[in-house]
């Protein structure tokens, strides 16, 4: 399995469902505009980050490997 090297949240797709924050609160938080942002990309296990990304209803969270290829 490829390892996560970068986490990106597309602010235009984020609808503030906060699923990511509930699953990985050390990694994601909602900013003052209620848009998710990454605060600590190493704040949870890769499995938890994958779960948080999968739980995003608009697929606003994108995960990339070290080569820049999209994982999810």
PDB file of N, CA and C in Angstrom:
ATOM      1  N   UNK A   1       0.840  -1.187   0.000  1.00  0.00           N
ATOM      2  CA  UNK A   1       0.000   0.000   0.000  1.00  0.00           C
ATOM      3  C   UNK A   1       0.886   1.252   0.000  1.00  0.00           C
ATOM      4  N   UNK A   2       0.507   2.220  -0.786  1.00  0.00           N
ATOM      5  CA  UNK A   2       1.238   3.487  -0.824  1.00  0.00           C
ATOM      6  C   UNK A   2       0.972   4.280   0.438  1.00  0.00           C
ATOM      7  N   UNK A   3       1.990   4.956   0.918  1.00  0.00           N
ATOM      8  CA  UNK A   3       1.865   5.753   2.132  1.00  0.00           C
ATOM      9  C   UNK A   3       1.401   7.166   1.802  1.00  0.00           C
ATOM     10  N   UNK A   4       0.658   7.756   2.722  1.00  0.00           N
ATOM     11  CA  UNK A   4       0.170   9.122   2.556  1.00  0.00           C
ATOM     12  C   UNK A   4       1.321  10.094   2.792  1.00  0.00           C
ATOM     13  N   UNK A   5       1.570  10.943   1.813  1.00  0.00           N
ATOM     14  CA  UNK A   5       2.617  11.948   1.936  1.00  0.00           C
ATOM     15  C   UNK A   5       2.037  13.359   2.055  1.00  0.00           C
ATOM     16  N   UNK A   6       0.819  13.527   1.548  1.00  0.00           N
ATOM     17  CA  UNK A   6       0.211  14.868   1.556  1.00  0.00           C
ATOM     18  C   UNK A   6      -1.300  14.736   1.661  1.00  0.00           C
ATOM     19  N   UNK A   7      -1.894  15.613   2.466  1.00  0.00           N
ATOM     20  CA  UNK A   7      -3.349  15.679   2.640  1.00  0.00           C
ATOM     21  C   UNK A   7      -3.795  17.056   2.180  1.00  0.00           C
ATOM     22  N   UNK A   8      -4.781  17.085   1.291  1.00  0.00           N
ATOM     23  CA  UNK A   8      -5.294  18.354   0.768  1.00  0.00           C
ATOM     24  C   UNK A   8      -6.802  18.389   0.964  1.00  0.00           C
ATOM     25  N   UNK A   9      -7.304  19.509   1.459  1.00  0.00           N
ATOM     26  CA  UNK A   9      -8.746  19.721   1.562  1.00  0.00           C
ATOM     27  C   UNK A   9      -9.130  20.794   0.547  1.00  0.00           C
ATOM     28  N   UNK A  10     -10.047  20.464  -0.342  1.00  0.00           N
ATOM     29  CA  UNK A  10     -10.529  21.436  -1.326  1.00  0.00           C
ATOM     30  C   UNK A  10     -11.596  22.291  -0.642  1.00  0.00           C
ATOM     31  N   UNK A  11     -11.291  23.559  -0.355  1.00  0.00           N
ATOM     32  CA  UNK A  11     -12.246  24.399   0.370  1.00  0.00           C
ATOM     33  C   UNK A  11     -13.537  24.663  -0.404  1.00  0.00           C
ATOM     34  N   UNK A  12     -13.482  24.549  -1.721  1.00  0.00           N
ATOM     35  CA  UNK A  12     -14.692  24.765  -2.517  1.00  0.00           C
ATOM     36  C   UNK A  12     -15.658  23.593  -2.418  1.00  0.00           C
ATOM     37  N   UNK A  13     -15.154  22.428  -2.052  1.00  0.00           N
ATOM     38  CA  UNK A  13     -16.016  21.246  -1.925  1.00  0.00           C
ATOM     39  C   UNK A  13     -16.476  20.998  -0.492  1.00  0.00           C
ATOM     40  N   UNK A  14     -15.751  21.530   0.482  1.00  0.00           N
ATOM     41  CA  UNK A  14     -16.068  21.273   1.889  1.00  0.00           C
ATOM     42  C   UNK A  14     -17.401  21.923   2.266  1.00  0.00           C
ATOM     43  N   UNK A  15     -18.282  21.117   2.883  1.00  0.00           N
ATOM     44  CA  UNK A  15     -19.590  21.625   3.321  1.00  0.00           C
ATOM     45  C   UNK A  15     -19.713  21.611   4.851  1.00  0.00           C
ATOM     46  N   UNK A  16     -18.588  21.473   5.536  1.00  0.00           N
ATOM     47  CA  UNK A  16     -18.545  21.516   7.004  1.00  0.00           C
ATOM     48  C   UNK A  16     -19.359  20.420   7.667  1.00  0.00           C
ATOM     49  N   UNK A  17     -19.370  19.245   7.069  1.00  0.00           N
ATOM     50  CA  UNK A  17     -20.074  18.126   7.718  1.00  0.00           C
ATOM     51  C   UNK A  17     -19.361  17.732   9.002  1.00  0.00           C
ATOM     52  N   UNK A  18     -18.087  18.016   9.082  1.00  0.00           N
ATOM     53  CA  UNK A  18     -17.189  17.754  10.209  1.00  0.00           C
ATOM     54  C   UNK A  18     -16.963  16.271  10.485  1.00  0.00           C
ATOM     55  N   UNK A  19     -17.297  15.412   9.541  1.00  0.00           N
ATOM     56  CA  UNK A  19     -17.004  13.986   9.708  1.00  0.00           C
ATOM     57  C   UNK A  19     -15.518  13.764   9.937  1.00  0.00           C
ATOM     58  N   UNK A  20     -14.692  14.470   9.180  1.00  0.00           N
ATOM     59  CA  UNK A  20     -13.237  14.316   9.307  1.00  0.00           C
ATOM     60  C   UNK A  20     -12.769  14.728  10.694  1.00  0.00           C
ATOM     61  N   UNK A  21     -13.340  15.795  11.229  1.00  0.00           N
ATOM     62  CA  UNK A  21     -12.957  16.284  12.552  1.00  0.00           C
ATOM     63  C   UNK A  21     -13.341  15.277  13.627  1.00  0.00           C
ATOM     64  N   UNK A  22     -14.492  14.655  13.490  1.00  0.00           N
ATOM     65  CA  UNK A  22     -14.936  13.661  14.473  1.00  0.00           C
ATOM     66  C   UNK A  22     -14.073  12.403  14.423  1.00  0.00           C
ATOM     67  N   UNK A  23     -13.630  12.023  13.240  1.00  0.00           N
ATOM     68  CA  UNK A  23     -12.842  10.803  13.088  1.00  0.00           C
ATOM     69  C   UNK A  23     -11.371  11.043  13.418  1.00  0.00           C
ATOM     70  N   UNK A  24     -10.830  12.165  12.987  1.00  0.00           N
ATOM     71  CA  UNK A  24      -9.410  12.460  13.202  1.00  0.00           C
ATOM     72  C   UNK A  24      -9.228  13.898  13.694  1.00  0.00           C
ATOM     73  N   UNK A  25      -9.633  14.176  14.932  1.00  0.00           N
ATOM     74  CA  UNK A  25      -9.603  15.558  15.443  1.00  0.00           C
ATOM     75  C   UNK A  25      -8.205  16.160  15.565  1.00  0.00           C
ATOM     76  N   UNK A  26      -7.185  15.334  15.664  1.00  0.00           N
ATOM     77  CA  UNK A  26      -5.828  15.880  15.739  1.00  0.00           C
ATOM     78  C   UNK A  26      -5.289  16.253  14.363  1.00  0.00           C
ATOM     79  N   UNK A  27      -5.948  15.762  13.313  1.00  0.00           N
ATOM     80  CA  UNK A  27      -5.507  16.036  11.939  1.00  0.00           C
ATOM     81  C   UNK A  27      -6.297  17.184  11.324  1.00  0.00           C
ATOM     82  N   UNK A  28      -7.605  17.175  11.523  1.00  0.00           N
ATOM     83  CA  UNK A  28      -8.486  18.153  10.872  1.00  0.00           C
ATOM     84  C   UNK A  28      -9.181  19.035  11.898  1.00  0.00           C
ATOM     85  N   UNK A  29      -9.450  20.264  11.503  1.00  0.00           N
ATOM     86  CA  UNK A  29     -10.327  21.135  12.291  1.00  0.00           C
ATOM     87  C   UNK A  29     -11.035  22.080  11.334  1.00  0.00           C
ATOM     88  N   UNK A  30     -12.167  22.591  11.771  1.00  0.00           N
ATOM     89  CA  UNK A  30     -12.894  23.573  10.968  1.00  0.00           C
ATOM     90  C   UNK A  30     -12.345  24.951  11.291  1.00  0.00           C
ATOM     91  N   UNK A  31     -12.107  25.739  10.248  1.00  0.00           N
ATOM     92  CA  UNK A  31     -11.608  27.093  10.464  1.00  0.00           C
ATOM     93  C   UNK A  31     -12.765  28.051  10.717  1.00  0.00           C
ATOM     94  N   UNK A  32     -12.473  29.332  10.773  1.00  0.00           N
ATOM     95  CA  UNK A  32     -13.495  30.338  11.088  1.00  0.00           C
ATOM     96  C   UNK A  32     -14.598  30.414  10.039  1.00  0.00           C
ATOM     97  N   UNK A  33     -14.329  29.916   8.836  1.00  0.00           N
ATOM     98  CA  UNK A  33     -15.340  29.879   7.771  1.00  0.00           C
ATOM     99  C   UNK A  33     -16.052  28.536   7.690  1.00  0.00           C
ATOM    100  N   UNK A  34     -15.828  27.669   8.701  1.00  0.00           N
ATOM    101  CA  UNK A  34     -16.387  26.321   8.731  1.00  0.00           C
ATOM    102  C   UNK A  34     -15.932  25.474   7.547  1.00  0.00           C
ATOM    103  N   UNK A  35     -14.665  25.639   7.202  1.00  0.00           N
ATOM    104  CA  UNK A  35     -14.043  24.824   6.170  1.00  0.00           C
ATOM    105  C   UNK A  35     -12.973  23.984   6.853  1.00  0.00           C
ATOM    106  N   UNK A  36     -12.947  22.712   6.537  1.00  0.00           N
ATOM    107  CA  UNK A  36     -11.954  21.836   7.134  1.00  0.00           C
ATOM    108  C   UNK A  36     -10.562  22.206   6.661  1.00  0.00           C
ATOM    109  N   UNK A  37      -9.609  22.081   7.582  1.00  0.00           N
ATOM    110  CA  UNK A  37      -8.213  22.296   7.230  1.00  0.00           C
ATOM    111  C   UNK A  37      -7.367  21.272   7.973  1.00  0.00           C
ATOM    112  N   UNK A  38      -6.186  21.036   7.448  1.00  0.00           N
ATOM    113  CA  UNK A  38      -5.264  20.087   8.054  1.00  0.00           C
ATOM    114  C   UNK A  38      -4.399  20.839   9.049  1.00  0.00           C
ATOM    115  N   UNK A  39      -4.425  20.398  10.319  1.00  0.00           N
ATOM    116  CA  UNK A  39      -3.622  21.046  11.348  1.00  0.00           C
ATOM    117  C   UNK A  39      -2.398  20.214  11.726  1.00  0.00           C
ATOM    118  N   UNK A  40      -2.489  18.896  11.578  1.00  0.00           N
ATOM    119  CA  UNK A  40      -1.347  18.018  11.867  1.00  0.00           C
ATOM    120  C   UNK A  40      -1.477  16.765  11.011  1.00  0.00           C
ATOM    121  N   UNK A  41      -0.792  16.720   9.876  1.00  0.00           N
ATOM    122  CA  UNK A  41      -0.935  15.572   8.973  1.00  0.00           C
ATOM    123  C   UNK A  41      -0.456  14.253   9.572  1.00  0.00           C
ATOM    124  N   UNK A  42       0.256  14.315  10.681  1.00  0.00           N
ATOM    125  CA  UNK A  42       0.727  13.094  11.338  1.00  0.00           C
ATOM    126  C   UNK A  42       0.010  12.866  12.664  1.00  0.00           C
ATOM    127  N   UNK A  43      -1.151  13.491  12.838  1.00  0.00           N
ATOM    128  CA  UNK A  43      -1.880  13.420  14.092  1.00  0.00           C
ATOM    129  C   UNK A  43      -2.731  12.180  14.285  1.00  0.00           C
ATOM    130  N   UNK A  44      -2.724  11.277  13.311  1.00  0.00           N
ATOM    131  CA  UNK A  44      -3.497  10.038  13.417  1.00  0.00           C
ATOM    132  C   UNK A  44      -2.837   8.992  12.519  1.00  0.00           C
ATOM    133  N   UNK A  45      -3.235   7.768  12.701  1.00  0.00           N
ATOM    134  CA  UNK A  45      -2.707   6.690  11.861  1.00  0.00           C
ATOM    135  C   UNK A  45      -3.193   6.861  10.424  1.00  0.00           C
ATOM    136  N   UNK A  46      -2.486   6.237   9.510  1.00  0.00           N
ATOM    137  CA  UNK A  46      -2.913   6.297   8.116  1.00  0.00           C
ATOM    138  C   UNK A  46      -4.305   5.698   7.951  1.00  0.00           C
ATOM    139  N   UNK A  47      -4.603   4.642   8.673  1.00  0.00           N
ATOM    140  CA  UNK A  47      -5.928   4.027   8.583  1.00  0.00           C
ATOM    141  C   UNK A  47      -7.011   5.009   9.003  1.00  0.00           C
ATOM    142  N   UNK A  48      -6.759   5.778  10.047  1.00  0.00           N
ATOM    143  CA  UNK A  48      -7.737   6.759  10.520  1.00  0.00           C
ATOM    144  C   UNK A  48      -7.888   7.894   9.516  1.00  0.00           C
ATOM    145  N   UNK A  49      -6.783   8.340   8.931  1.00  0.00           N
ATOM    146  CA  UNK A  49      -6.858   9.402   7.923  1.00  0.00           C
ATOM    147  C   UNK A  49      -7.618   8.918   6.692  1.00  0.00           C
ATOM    148  N   UNK A  50      -7.373   7.686   6.276  1.00  0.00           N
ATOM    149  CA  UNK A  50      -8.122   7.107   5.154  1.00  0.00           C
ATOM    150  C   UNK A  50      -9.611   7.046   5.478  1.00  0.00           C
ATOM    151  N   UNK A  51      -9.939   6.669   6.707  1.00  0.00           N
ATOM    152  CA  UNK A  51     -11.344   6.608   7.135  1.00  0.00           C
ATOM    153  C   UNK A  51     -11.977   7.996   7.110  1.00  0.00           C
ATOM    154  N   UNK A  52     -11.241   8.991   7.587  1.00  0.00           N
ATOM    155  CA  UNK A  52     -11.765  10.362   7.595  1.00  0.00           C
ATOM    156  C   UNK A  52     -12.009  10.856   6.176  1.00  0.00           C
ATOM    157  N   UNK A  53     -11.088  10.589   5.281  1.00  0.00           N
ATOM    158  CA  UNK A  53     -11.250  11.007   3.886  1.00  0.00           C
ATOM    159  C   UNK A  53     -12.443  10.305   3.248  1.00  0.00           C
ATOM    160  N   UNK A  54     -12.591   9.030   3.528  1.00  0.00           N
ATOM    161  CA  UNK A  54     -13.706   8.267   2.963  1.00  0.00           C
ATOM    162  C   UNK A  54     -15.050   8.740   3.504  1.00  0.00           C
ATOM    163  N   UNK A  55     -15.054   9.299   4.703  1.00  0.00           N
ATOM    164  CA  UNK A  55     -16.303   9.759   5.325  1.00  0.00           C
ATOM    165  C   UNK A  55     -16.746  11.130   4.827  1.00  0.00           C
ATOM    166  N   UNK A  56     -15.912  11.797   4.051  1.00  0.00           N
ATOM    167  CA  UNK A  56     -16.275  13.120   3.541  1.00  0.00           C
ATOM    168  C   UNK A  56     -17.352  12.970   2.468  1.00  0.00           C
ATOM    169  N   UNK A  57     -18.531  13.567   2.684  1.00  0.00           N
ATOM    170  CA  UNK A  57     -19.639  13.373   1.742  1.00  0.00           C
ATOM    171  C   UNK A  57     -19.419  14.024   0.371  1.00  0.00           C
ATOM    172  N   UNK A  58     -18.500  14.977   0.294  1.00  0.00           N
ATOM    173  CA  UNK A  58     -18.264  15.650  -0.986  1.00  0.00           C
ATOM    174  C   UNK A  58     -16.899  15.308  -1.590  1.00  0.00           C
ATOM    175  N   UNK A  59     -16.182  14.378  -0.943  1.00  0.00           N
ATOM    176  CA  UNK A  59     -14.841  13.976  -1.394  1.00  0.00           C
ATOM    177  C   UNK A  59     -13.892  15.172  -1.468  1.00  0.00           C
ATOM    178  N   UNK A  60     -14.008  16.070  -0.495  1.00  0.00           N
ATOM    179  CA  UNK A  60     -13.162  17.261  -0.459  1.00  0.00           C
ATOM    180  C   UNK A  60     -11.742  16.956   0.009  1.00  0.00           C
ATOM    181  N   UNK A  61     -11.553  15.816   0.673  1.00  0.00           N
ATOM    182  CA  UNK A  61     -10.230  15.454   1.181  1.00  0.00           C
ATOM    183  C   UNK A  61      -9.543  14.570   0.153  1.00  0.00           C
ATOM    184  N   UNK A  62      -8.350  14.990  -0.233  1.00  0.00           N
ATOM    185  CA  UNK A  62      -7.576  14.225  -1.217  1.00  0.00           C
ATOM    186  C   UNK A  62      -6.247  13.848  -0.597  1.00  0.00           C
ATOM    187  N   UNK A  63      -5.886  12.600  -0.774  1.00  0.00           N
ATOM    188  CA  UNK A  63      -4.651  12.070  -0.217  1.00  0.00           C
ATOM    189  C   UNK A  63      -3.708  11.703  -1.347  1.00  0.00           C
ATOM    190  N   UNK A  64      -2.426  12.041  -1.182  1.00  0.00           N
ATOM    191  CA  UNK A  64      -1.425  11.799  -2.219  1.00  0.00           C
ATOM    192  C   UNK A  64      -0.220  11.068  -1.637  1.00  0.00           C
ATOM    193  N   UNK A  65       0.424  10.264  -2.481  1.00  0.00           N
ATOM    194  CA  UNK A  65       1.644   9.592  -2.061  1.00  0.00           C
ATOM    195  C   UNK A  65       2.850  10.488  -2.348  1.00  0.00           C
ATOM    196  N   UNK A  66       4.055   9.982  -2.088  1.00  0.00           N
ATOM    197  CA  UNK A  66       5.267  10.778  -2.244  1.00  0.00           C
ATOM    198  C   UNK A  66       5.536  11.178  -3.691  1.00  0.00           C
ATOM    199  N   UNK A  67       5.013  10.407  -4.639  1.00  0.00           N
ATOM    200  CA  UNK A  67       5.193  10.732  -6.063  1.00  0.00           C
ATOM    201  C   UNK A  67       4.133  11.701  -6.570  1.00  0.00           C
ATOM    202  N   UNK A  68       3.216  12.092  -5.711  1.00  0.00           N
ATOM    203  CA  UNK A  68       2.153  13.015  -6.108  1.00  0.00           C
ATOM    204  C   UNK A  68       0.951  12.339  -6.720  1.00  0.00           C
ATOM    205  N   UNK A  69       0.904  11.004  -6.629  1.00  0.00           N
ATOM    206  CA  UNK A  69      -0.245  10.264  -7.161  1.00  0.00           C
ATOM    207  C   UNK A  69      -1.349  10.216  -6.115  1.00  0.00           C
ATOM    208  N   UNK A  70      -2.554  10.390  -6.559  1.00  0.00           N
ATOM    209  CA  UNK A  70      -3.691  10.416  -5.646  1.00  0.00           C
ATOM    210  C   UNK A  70      -3.973   9.021  -5.110  1.00  0.00           C
ATOM    211  N   UNK A  71      -4.084   8.926  -3.797  1.00  0.00           N
ATOM    212  CA  UNK A  71      -4.444   7.682  -3.137  1.00  0.00           C
ATOM    213  C   UNK A  71      -5.954   7.608  -2.998  1.00  0.00           C
ATOM    214  N   UNK A  72      -6.535   8.707  -2.584  1.00  0.00           N
ATOM    215  CA  UNK A  72      -7.988   8.751  -2.374  1.00  0.00           C
ATOM    216  C   UNK A  72      -8.466  10.163  -2.559  1.00  0.00           C
TER     217      UNK A  72
END
